[in-house]
Amino acid sequence: MKSLKILKDSALFLLALILVPTAIFCVQAKALLESKGIEFEERNVQKDWTKEQLLEAVPTARTLPQIFLNDEYVGGFNELKTRLQ
């Protein structure tokens, strides 16, 4: 299993974003984080992970992105947006 340990940190958050770069909610999540100046680690499912590895890390994952904050599972884009309000 690939570690979900988050390597980058910012003043406010340690964040990992598992995504497909062209998926609309992935694009929106990245834009939201960038607009708030929050650094994040991007993990590309098409390059860095297999579907099986993603499901091993997040068994309930059915959509992308899958977002972790300080090693805690946040959810997808809507949960991230709510969390940052």
PDB file of N, CA and C in Angstrom:
ATOM      1  N   MET A   1       0.835  -1.178   0.000  1.00  0.00           N
ATOM      2  CA  MET A   1       0.000   0.000   0.000  1.00  0.00           C
ATOM      3  C   MET A   1       0.877   1.238   0.000  1.00  0.00           C
ATOM      4  N   LYS A   2       0.533   2.216  -0.828  1.00  0.00           N
ATOM      5  CA  LYS A   2       1.279   3.470  -0.850  1.00  0.00           C
ATOM      6  C   LYS A   2       0.932   4.263   0.395  1.00  0.00           C
ATOM      7  N   SER A   3       1.946   4.867   0.970  1.00  0.00           N
ATOM      8  CA  SER A   3       1.750   5.658   2.169  1.00  0.00           C
ATOM      9  C   SER A   3       0.978   6.925   1.848  1.00  0.00           C
ATOM     10  N   LEU A   4       0.115   7.327   2.735  1.00  0.00           N
ATOM     11  CA  LEU A   4      -0.598   8.582   2.580  1.00  0.00           C
ATOM     12  C   LEU A   4       0.056   9.674   3.409  1.00  0.00           C
ATOM     13  N   LYS A   5       1.253   9.400   3.911  1.00  0.00           N
ATOM     14  CA  LYS A   5       1.979  10.416   4.678  1.00  0.00           C
ATOM     15  C   LYS A   5       2.149  11.639   3.797  1.00  0.00           C
ATOM     16  N   ILE A   6       1.810  12.776   4.314  1.00  0.00           N
ATOM     17  CA  ILE A   6       1.857  14.014   3.554  1.00  0.00           C
ATOM     18  C   ILE A   6       3.235  14.635   3.719  1.00  0.00           C
ATOM     19  N   LEU A   7       3.851  14.966   2.599  1.00  0.00           N
ATOM     20  CA  LEU A   7       5.226  15.413   2.616  1.00  0.00           C
ATOM     21  C   LEU A   7       5.384  16.916   2.646  1.00  0.00           C
ATOM     22  N   LYS A   8       4.500  17.659   2.011  1.00  0.00           N
ATOM     23  CA  LYS A   8       4.601  19.111   1.992  1.00  0.00           C
ATOM     24  C   LYS A   8       3.782  19.670   3.131  1.00  0.00           C
ATOM     25  N   ASP A   9       4.233  20.773   3.696  1.00  0.00           N
ATOM     26  CA  ASP A   9       3.376  21.393   4.686  1.00  0.00           C
ATOM     27  C   ASP A   9       3.345  22.900   4.468  1.00  0.00           C
ATOM     28  N   SER A  10       2.250  23.497   4.840  1.00  0.00           N
ATOM     29  CA  SER A  10       2.088  24.938   4.761  1.00  0.00           C
ATOM     30  C   SER A  10       1.832  25.433   6.175  1.00  0.00           C
ATOM     31  N   ALA A  11       1.639  26.706   6.306  1.00  0.00           N
ATOM     32  CA  ALA A  11       1.406  27.271   7.633  1.00  0.00           C
ATOM     33  C   ALA A  11       0.116  26.730   8.251  1.00  0.00           C
ATOM     34  N   LEU A  12      -0.871  26.415   7.423  1.00  0.00           N
ATOM     35  CA  LEU A  12      -2.169  26.023   7.957  1.00  0.00           C
ATOM     36  C   LEU A  12      -2.466  24.536   7.864  1.00  0.00           C
ATOM     37  N   PHE A  13      -2.057  23.906   6.779  1.00  0.00           N
ATOM     38  CA  PHE A  13      -2.514  22.551   6.517  1.00  0.00           C
ATOM     39  C   PHE A  13      -1.392  21.662   6.003  1.00  0.00           C
ATOM     40  N   LEU A  14      -1.518  20.389   6.274  1.00  0.00           N
ATOM     41  CA  LEU A  14      -0.752  19.361   5.583  1.00  0.00           C
ATOM     42  C   LEU A  14      -1.782  18.634   4.730  1.00  0.00           C
ATOM     43  N   LEU A  15      -1.654  18.713   3.425  1.00  0.00           N
ATOM     44  CA  LEU A  15      -2.735  18.278   2.566  1.00  0.00           C
ATOM     45  C   LEU A  15      -2.243  17.394   1.443  1.00  0.00           C
ATOM     46  N   ALA A  16      -2.961  16.306   1.157  1.00  0.00           N
ATOM     47  CA  ALA A  16      -2.684  15.450   0.007  1.00  0.00           C
ATOM     48  C   ALA A  16      -3.951  15.356  -0.825  1.00  0.00           C
ATOM     49  N   LEU A  17      -3.775  15.415  -2.117  1.00  0.00           N
ATOM     50  CA  LEU A  17      -4.888  15.417  -3.060  1.00  0.00           C
ATOM     51  C   LEU A  17      -4.650  14.292  -4.058  1.00  0.00           C
ATOM     52  N   ILE A  18      -5.507  13.273  -4.043  1.00  0.00           N
ATOM     53  CA  ILE A  18      -5.420  12.169  -4.997  1.00  0.00           C
ATOM     54  C   ILE A  18      -6.390  12.487  -6.117  1.00  0.00           C
ATOM     55  N   LEU A  19      -5.869  12.531  -7.362  1.00  0.00           N
ATOM     56  CA  LEU A  19      -6.719  13.041  -8.426  1.00  0.00           C
ATOM     57  C   LEU A  19      -6.376  12.509  -9.805  1.00  0.00           C
ATOM     58  N   VAL A  20      -7.244  12.852 -10.737  1.00  0.00           N
ATOM     59  CA  VAL A  20      -7.020  12.750 -12.173  1.00  0.00           C
ATOM     60  C   VAL A  20      -6.993  14.198 -12.650  1.00  0.00           C
ATOM     61  N   PRO A  21      -5.879  14.660 -13.233  1.00  0.00           N
ATOM     62  CA  PRO A  21      -5.704  16.091 -13.502  1.00  0.00           C
ATOM     63  C   PRO A  21      -6.783  16.756 -14.345  1.00  0.00           C
ATOM     64  N   THR A  22      -7.493  16.020 -15.173  1.00  0.00           N
ATOM     65  CA  THR A  22      -8.480  16.646 -16.056  1.00  0.00           C
ATOM     66  C   THR A  22      -9.920  16.554 -15.543  1.00  0.00           C
ATOM     67  N   ALA A  23     -10.141  15.848 -14.454  1.00  0.00           N
ATOM     68  CA  ALA A  23     -11.493  15.718 -13.906  1.00  0.00           C
ATOM     69  C   ALA A  23     -11.925  17.049 -13.288  1.00  0.00           C
ATOM     70  N   ILE A  24     -13.153  17.477 -13.545  1.00  0.00           N
ATOM     71  CA  ILE A  24     -13.615  18.807 -13.174  1.00  0.00           C
ATOM     72  C   ILE A  24     -13.512  19.085 -11.675  1.00  0.00           C
ATOM     73  N   PHE A  25     -13.897  18.131 -10.825  1.00  0.00           N
ATOM     74  CA  PHE A  25     -13.810  18.376  -9.386  1.00  0.00           C
ATOM     75  C   PHE A  25     -12.358  18.406  -8.917  1.00  0.00           C
ATOM     76  N   CYS A  26     -11.474  17.686  -9.597  1.00  0.00           N
ATOM     77  CA  CYS A  26     -10.042  17.744  -9.274  1.00  0.00           C
ATOM     78  C   CYS A  26      -9.486  19.116  -9.633  1.00  0.00           C
ATOM     79  N   VAL A  27      -9.866  19.609 -10.796  1.00  0.00           N
ATOM     80  CA  VAL A  27      -9.437  20.946 -11.230  1.00  0.00           C
ATOM     81  C   VAL A  27      -9.955  22.000 -10.251  1.00  0.00           C
ATOM     82  N   GLN A  28     -11.209  21.863  -9.833  1.00  0.00           N
ATOM     83  CA  GLN A  28     -11.799  22.822  -8.902  1.00  0.00           C
ATOM     84  C   GLN A  28     -11.131  22.757  -7.524  1.00  0.00           C
ATOM     85  N   ALA A  29     -10.807  21.568  -7.067  1.00  0.00           N
ATOM     86  CA  ALA A  29     -10.140  21.438  -5.765  1.00  0.00           C
ATOM     87  C   ALA A  29      -8.768  22.099  -5.802  1.00  0.00           C
ATOM     88  N   LYS A  30      -8.017  21.850  -6.868  1.00  0.00           N
ATOM     89  CA  LYS A  30      -6.700  22.476  -6.998  1.00  0.00           C
ATOM     90  C   LYS A  30      -6.830  23.999  -7.060  1.00  0.00           C
ATOM     91  N   ALA A  31      -7.791  24.492  -7.819  1.00  0.00           N
ATOM     92  CA  ALA A  31      -7.986  25.940  -7.950  1.00  0.00           C
ATOM     93  C   ALA A  31      -8.358  26.559  -6.602  1.00  0.00           C
ATOM     94  N   LEU A  32      -9.219  25.886  -5.834  1.00  0.00           N
ATOM     95  CA  LEU A  32      -9.614  26.386  -4.525  1.00  0.00           C
ATOM     96  C   LEU A  32      -8.404  26.485  -3.593  1.00  0.00           C
ATOM     97  N   LEU A  33      -7.615  25.427  -3.561  1.00  0.00           N
ATOM     98  CA  LEU A  33      -6.432  25.433  -2.691  1.00  0.00           C
ATOM     99  C   LEU A  33      -5.439  26.501  -3.121  1.00  0.00           C
ATOM    100  N   GLU A  34      -5.226  26.616  -4.421  1.00  0.00           N
ATOM    101  CA  GLU A  34      -4.284  27.622  -4.927  1.00  0.00           C
ATOM    102  C   GLU A  34      -4.787  29.033  -4.638  1.00  0.00           C
ATOM    103  N   SER A  35      -6.097  29.253  -4.756  1.00  0.00           N
ATOM    104  CA  SER A  35      -6.652  30.589  -4.503  1.00  0.00           C
ATOM    105  C   SER A  35      -6.493  31.001  -3.043  1.00  0.00           C
ATOM    106  N   LYS A  36      -6.409  30.017  -2.149  1.00  0.00           N
ATOM    107  CA  LYS A  36      -6.242  30.290  -0.728  1.00  0.00           C
ATOM    108  C   LYS A  36      -4.776  30.232  -0.308  1.00  0.00           C
ATOM    109  N   GLY A  37      -3.886  29.969  -1.280  1.00  0.00           N
ATOM    110  CA  GLY A  37      -2.461  29.914  -0.973  1.00  0.00           C
ATOM    111  C   GLY A  37      -2.060  28.700  -0.157  1.00  0.00           C
ATOM    112  N   ILE A  38      -2.827  27.616  -0.263  1.00  0.00           N
ATOM    113  CA  ILE A  38      -2.546  26.402   0.506  1.00  0.00           C
ATOM    114  C   ILE A  38      -1.745  25.439  -0.361  1.00  0.00           C
ATOM    115  N   GLU A  39      -0.584  25.053   0.131  1.00  0.00           N
ATOM    116  CA  GLU A  39       0.235  24.081  -0.580  1.00  0.00           C
ATOM    117  C   GLU A  39      -0.361  22.694  -0.402  1.00  0.00           C
ATOM    118  N   PHE A  40      -0.167  21.846  -1.399  1.00  0.00           N
ATOM    119  CA  PHE A  40      -0.684  20.488  -1.315  1.00  0.00           C
ATOM    120  C   PHE A  40       0.192  19.559  -2.122  1.00  0.00           C
ATOM    121  N   GLU A  41       0.107  18.310  -1.802  1.00  0.00           N
ATOM    122  CA  GLU A  41       0.797  17.272  -2.554  1.00  0.00           C
ATOM    123  C   GLU A  41      -0.217  16.634  -3.487  1.00  0.00           C
ATOM    124  N   GLU A  42       0.118  16.567  -4.746  1.00  0.00           N
ATOM    125  CA  GLU A  42      -0.771  16.013  -5.760  1.00  0.00           C
ATOM    126  C   GLU A  42      -0.356  14.588  -6.069  1.00  0.00           C
ATOM    127  N   ARG A  43      -1.313  13.679  -6.061  1.00  0.00           N
ATOM    128  CA  ARG A  43      -1.057  12.277  -6.406  1.00  0.00           C
ATOM    129  C   ARG A  43      -1.969  11.899  -7.564  1.00  0.00           C
ATOM    130  N   ASN A  44      -1.373  11.676  -8.698  1.00  0.00           N
ATOM    131  CA  ASN A  44      -2.097  11.429  -9.938  1.00  0.00           C
ATOM    132  C   ASN A  44      -2.422   9.946 -10.077  1.00  0.00           C
ATOM    133  N   VAL A  45      -3.707   9.624 -10.115  1.00  0.00           N
ATOM    134  CA  VAL A  45      -4.139   8.231 -10.223  1.00  0.00           C
ATOM    135  C   VAL A  45      -3.717   7.636 -11.571  1.00  0.00           C
ATOM    136  N   GLN A  46      -3.644   8.439 -12.602  1.00  0.00           N
ATOM    137  CA  GLN A  46      -3.283   7.932 -13.922  1.00  0.00           C
ATOM    138  C   GLN A  46      -1.792   7.632 -14.047  1.00  0.00           C
ATOM    139  N   LYS A  47      -0.963   8.258 -13.218  1.00  0.00           N
ATOM    140  CA  LYS A  47       0.484   8.064 -13.303  1.00  0.00           C
ATOM    141  C   LYS A  47       1.061   7.333 -12.100  1.00  0.00           C
ATOM    142  N   ASP A  48       0.717   7.799 -10.908  1.00  0.00           N
ATOM    143  CA  ASP A  48       1.389   7.371  -9.690  1.00  0.00           C
ATOM    144  C   ASP A  48       0.713   6.208  -8.974  1.00  0.00           C
ATOM    145  N   TRP A  49      -0.556   6.030  -9.190  1.00  0.00           N
ATOM    146  CA  TRP A  49      -1.324   5.031  -8.460  1.00  0.00           C
ATOM    147  C   TRP A  49      -2.131   4.184  -9.429  1.00  0.00           C
ATOM    148  N   THR A  50      -2.386   2.952  -9.039  1.00  0.00           N
ATOM    149  CA  THR A  50      -3.352   2.133  -9.773  1.00  0.00           C
ATOM    150  C   THR A  50      -4.704   2.284  -9.078  1.00  0.00           C
ATOM    151  N   LYS A  51      -5.740   1.885  -9.758  1.00  0.00           N
ATOM    152  CA  LYS A  51      -7.080   1.907  -9.158  1.00  0.00           C
ATOM    153  C   LYS A  51      -7.096   1.056  -7.888  1.00  0.00           C
ATOM    154  N   GLU A  52      -6.411  -0.065  -7.933  1.00  0.00           N
ATOM    155  CA  GLU A  52      -6.371  -0.962  -6.777  1.00  0.00           C
ATOM    156  C   GLU A  52      -5.691  -0.296  -5.579  1.00  0.00           C
ATOM    157  N   GLN A  53      -4.609   0.441  -5.841  1.00  0.00           N
ATOM    158  CA  GLN A  53      -3.915   1.131  -4.753  1.00  0.00           C
ATOM    159  C   GLN A  53      -4.803   2.220  -4.153  1.00  0.00           C
ATOM    160  N   LEU A  54      -5.515   2.927  -4.996  1.00  0.00           N
ATOM    161  CA  LEU A  54      -6.435   3.957  -4.502  1.00  0.00           C
ATOM    162  C   LEU A  54      -7.498   3.318  -3.617  1.00  0.00           C
ATOM    163  N   LEU A  55      -8.094   2.215  -4.086  1.00  0.00           N
ATOM    164  CA  LEU A  55      -9.153   1.567  -3.307  1.00  0.00           C
ATOM    165  C   LEU A  55      -8.624   0.919  -2.041  1.00  0.00           C
ATOM    166  N   GLU A  56      -7.352   0.563  -2.032  1.00  0.00           N
ATOM    167  CA  GLU A  56      -6.751   0.054  -0.809  1.00  0.00           C
ATOM    168  C   GLU A  56      -6.616   1.189   0.213  1.00  0.00           C
ATOM    169  N   ALA A  57      -6.240   2.368  -0.264  1.00  0.00           N
ATOM    170  CA  ALA A  57      -6.082   3.524   0.625  1.00  0.00           C
ATOM    171  C   ALA A  57      -7.425   4.087   1.063  1.00  0.00           C
ATOM    172  N   VAL A  58      -8.391   4.127   0.132  1.00  0.00           N
ATOM    173  CA  VAL A  58      -9.725   4.675   0.409  1.00  0.00           C
ATOM    174  C   VAL A  58     -10.754   3.699  -0.159  1.00  0.00           C
ATOM    175  N   PRO A  59     -11.104   2.669   0.602  1.00  0.00           N
ATOM    176  CA  PRO A  59     -11.997   1.623   0.086  1.00  0.00           C
ATOM    177  C   PRO A  59     -13.341   2.125  -0.419  1.00  0.00           C
ATOM    178  N   THR A  60     -13.819   3.245   0.108  1.00  0.00           N
ATOM    179  CA  THR A  60     -15.124   3.766  -0.298  1.00  0.00           C
ATOM    180  C   THR A  60     -15.035   4.741  -1.471  1.00  0.00           C
ATOM    181  N   ALA A  61     -13.847   4.964  -2.007  1.00  0.00           N
ATOM    182  CA  ALA A  61     -13.663   5.943  -3.086  1.00  0.00           C
ATOM    183  C   ALA A  61     -14.433   5.513  -4.331  1.00  0.00           C
ATOM    184  N   ARG A  62     -15.278   6.405  -4.800  1.00  0.00           N
ATOM    185  CA  ARG A  62     -16.009   6.175  -6.052  1.00  0.00           C
ATOM    186  C   ARG A  62     -15.838   7.352  -6.994  1.00  0.00           C
ATOM    187  N   THR A  63     -15.302   8.451  -6.456  1.00  0.00           N
ATOM    188  CA  THR A  63     -15.075   9.660  -7.241  1.00  0.00           C
ATOM    189  C   THR A  63     -13.715  10.234  -6.881  1.00  0.00           C
ATOM    190  N   LEU A  64     -13.281  11.174  -7.674  1.00  0.00           N
ATOM    191  CA  LEU A  64     -12.028  11.891  -7.405  1.00  0.00           C
ATOM    192  C   LEU A  64     -12.314  13.372  -7.439  1.00  0.00           C
ATOM    193  N   PRO A  65     -11.613  14.162  -6.671  1.00  0.00           N
ATOM    194  CA  PRO A  65     -10.429  13.817  -5.891  1.00  0.00           C
ATOM    195  C   PRO A  65     -10.794  13.169  -4.556  1.00  0.00           C
ATOM    196  N   GLN A  66      -9.811  12.543  -3.944  1.00  0.00           N
ATOM    197  CA  GLN A  66      -9.880  12.064  -2.577  1.00  0.00           C
ATOM    198  C   GLN A  66      -8.874  12.911  -1.808  1.00  0.00           C
ATOM    199  N   ILE A  67      -9.319  13.550  -0.749  1.00  0.00           N
ATOM    200  CA  ILE A  67      -8.505  14.565  -0.085  1.00  0.00           C
ATOM    201  C   ILE A  67      -8.257  14.188   1.370  1.00  0.00           C
ATOM    202  N   PHE A  68      -7.002  14.365   1.783  1.00  0.00           N
ATOM    203  CA  PHE A  68      -6.573  14.096   3.152  1.00  0.00           C
ATOM    204  C   PHE A  68      -5.991  15.364   3.741  1.00  0.00           C
ATOM    205  N   LEU A  69      -6.302  15.618   4.990  1.00  0.00           N
ATOM    206  CA  LEU A  69      -5.798  16.776   5.726  1.00  0.00           C
ATOM    207  C   LEU A  69      -5.156  16.263   7.004  1.00  0.00           C
ATOM    208  N   ASN A  70      -3.848  16.520   7.146  1.00  0.00           N
ATOM    209  CA  ASN A  70      -3.126  16.029   8.327  1.00  0.00           C
ATOM    210  C   ASN A  70      -3.372  14.536   8.552  1.00  0.00           C
ATOM    211  N   ASP A  71      -3.277  13.749   7.491  1.00  0.00           N
ATOM    212  CA  ASP A  71      -3.489  12.297   7.517  1.00  0.00           C
ATOM    213  C   ASP A  71      -4.921  11.887   7.859  1.00  0.00           C
ATOM    214  N   GLU A  72      -5.834  12.839   7.926  1.00  0.00           N
ATOM    215  CA  GLU A  72      -7.244  12.556   8.171  1.00  0.00           C
ATOM    216  C   GLU A  72      -7.993  12.658   6.849  1.00  0.00           C
ATOM    217  N   TYR A  73      -8.835  11.690   6.573  1.00  0.00           N
ATOM    218  CA  TYR A  73      -9.611  11.686   5.346  1.00  0.00           C
ATOM    219  C   TYR A  73     -10.667  12.790   5.406  1.00  0.00           C
ATOM    220  N   VAL A  74     -10.672  13.670   4.400  1.00  0.00           N
ATOM    221  CA  VAL A  74     -11.639  14.766   4.315  1.00  0.00           C
ATOM    222  C   VAL A  74     -12.814  14.355   3.441  1.00  0.00           C
ATOM    223  N   GLY A  75     -12.537  13.765   2.282  1.00  0.00           N
ATOM    224  CA  GLY A  75     -13.564  13.396   1.319  1.00  0.00           C
ATOM    225  C   GLY A  75     -13.215  13.959  -0.039  1.00  0.00           C
ATOM    226  N   GLY A  76     -14.214  14.489  -0.736  1.00  0.00           N
ATOM    227  CA  GLY A  76     -14.013  15.034  -2.072  1.00  0.00           C
ATOM    228  C   GLY A  76     -14.016  16.556  -2.074  1.00  0.00           C
ATOM    229  N   PHE A  77     -14.253  17.117  -3.251  1.00  0.00           N
ATOM    230  CA  PHE A  77     -14.211  18.568  -3.420  1.00  0.00           C
ATOM    231  C   PHE A  77     -15.232  19.282  -2.532  1.00  0.00           C
ATOM    232  N   ASN A  78     -16.471  18.805  -2.502  1.00  0.00           N
ATOM    233  CA  ASN A  78     -17.501  19.481  -1.707  1.00  0.00           C
ATOM    234  C   ASN A  78     -17.158  19.488  -0.224  1.00  0.00           C
ATOM    235  N   GLU A  79     -16.600  18.402   0.277  1.00  0.00           N
ATOM    236  CA  GLU A  79     -16.208  18.350   1.687  1.00  0.00           C
ATOM    237  C   GLU A  79     -15.029  19.310   1.947  1.00  0.00           C
ATOM    238  N   LEU A  80     -14.115  19.393   0.997  1.00  0.00           N
ATOM    239  CA  LEU A  80     -12.994  20.323   1.139  1.00  0.00           C
ATOM    240  C   LEU A  80     -13.508  21.754   1.182  1.00  0.00           C
ATOM    241  N   LYS A  81     -14.422  22.079   0.264  1.00  0.00           N
ATOM    242  CA  LYS A  81     -14.981  23.429   0.205  1.00  0.00           C
ATOM    243  C   LYS A  81     -15.670  23.793   1.522  1.00  0.00           C
ATOM    244  N   THR A  82     -16.447  22.885   2.056  1.00  0.00           N
ATOM    245  CA  THR A  82     -17.123  23.110   3.334  1.00  0.00           C
ATOM    246  C   THR A  82     -16.106  23.296   4.450  1.00  0.00           C
ATOM    247  N   ARG A  83     -15.087  22.479   4.452  1.00  0.00           N
ATOM    248  CA  ARG A  83     -14.046  22.549   5.495  1.00  0.00           C
ATOM    249  C   ARG A  83     -13.302  23.880   5.487  1.00  0.00           C
ATOM    250  N   LEU A  84     -13.128  24.465   4.310  1.00  0.00           N
ATOM    251  CA  LEU A  84     -12.344  25.691   4.195  1.00  0.00           C
ATOM    252  C   LEU A  84     -13.189  26.947   4.371  1.00  0.00           C
ATOM    253  N   GLN A  85     -14.496  26.823   4.520  1.00  0.00           N
ATOM    254  CA  GLN A  85     -15.346  28.001   4.699  1.00  0.00           C
ATOM    255  C   GLN A  85     -15.226  28.569   6.087  1.00  0.00           C
TER     256      GLN A  85
END
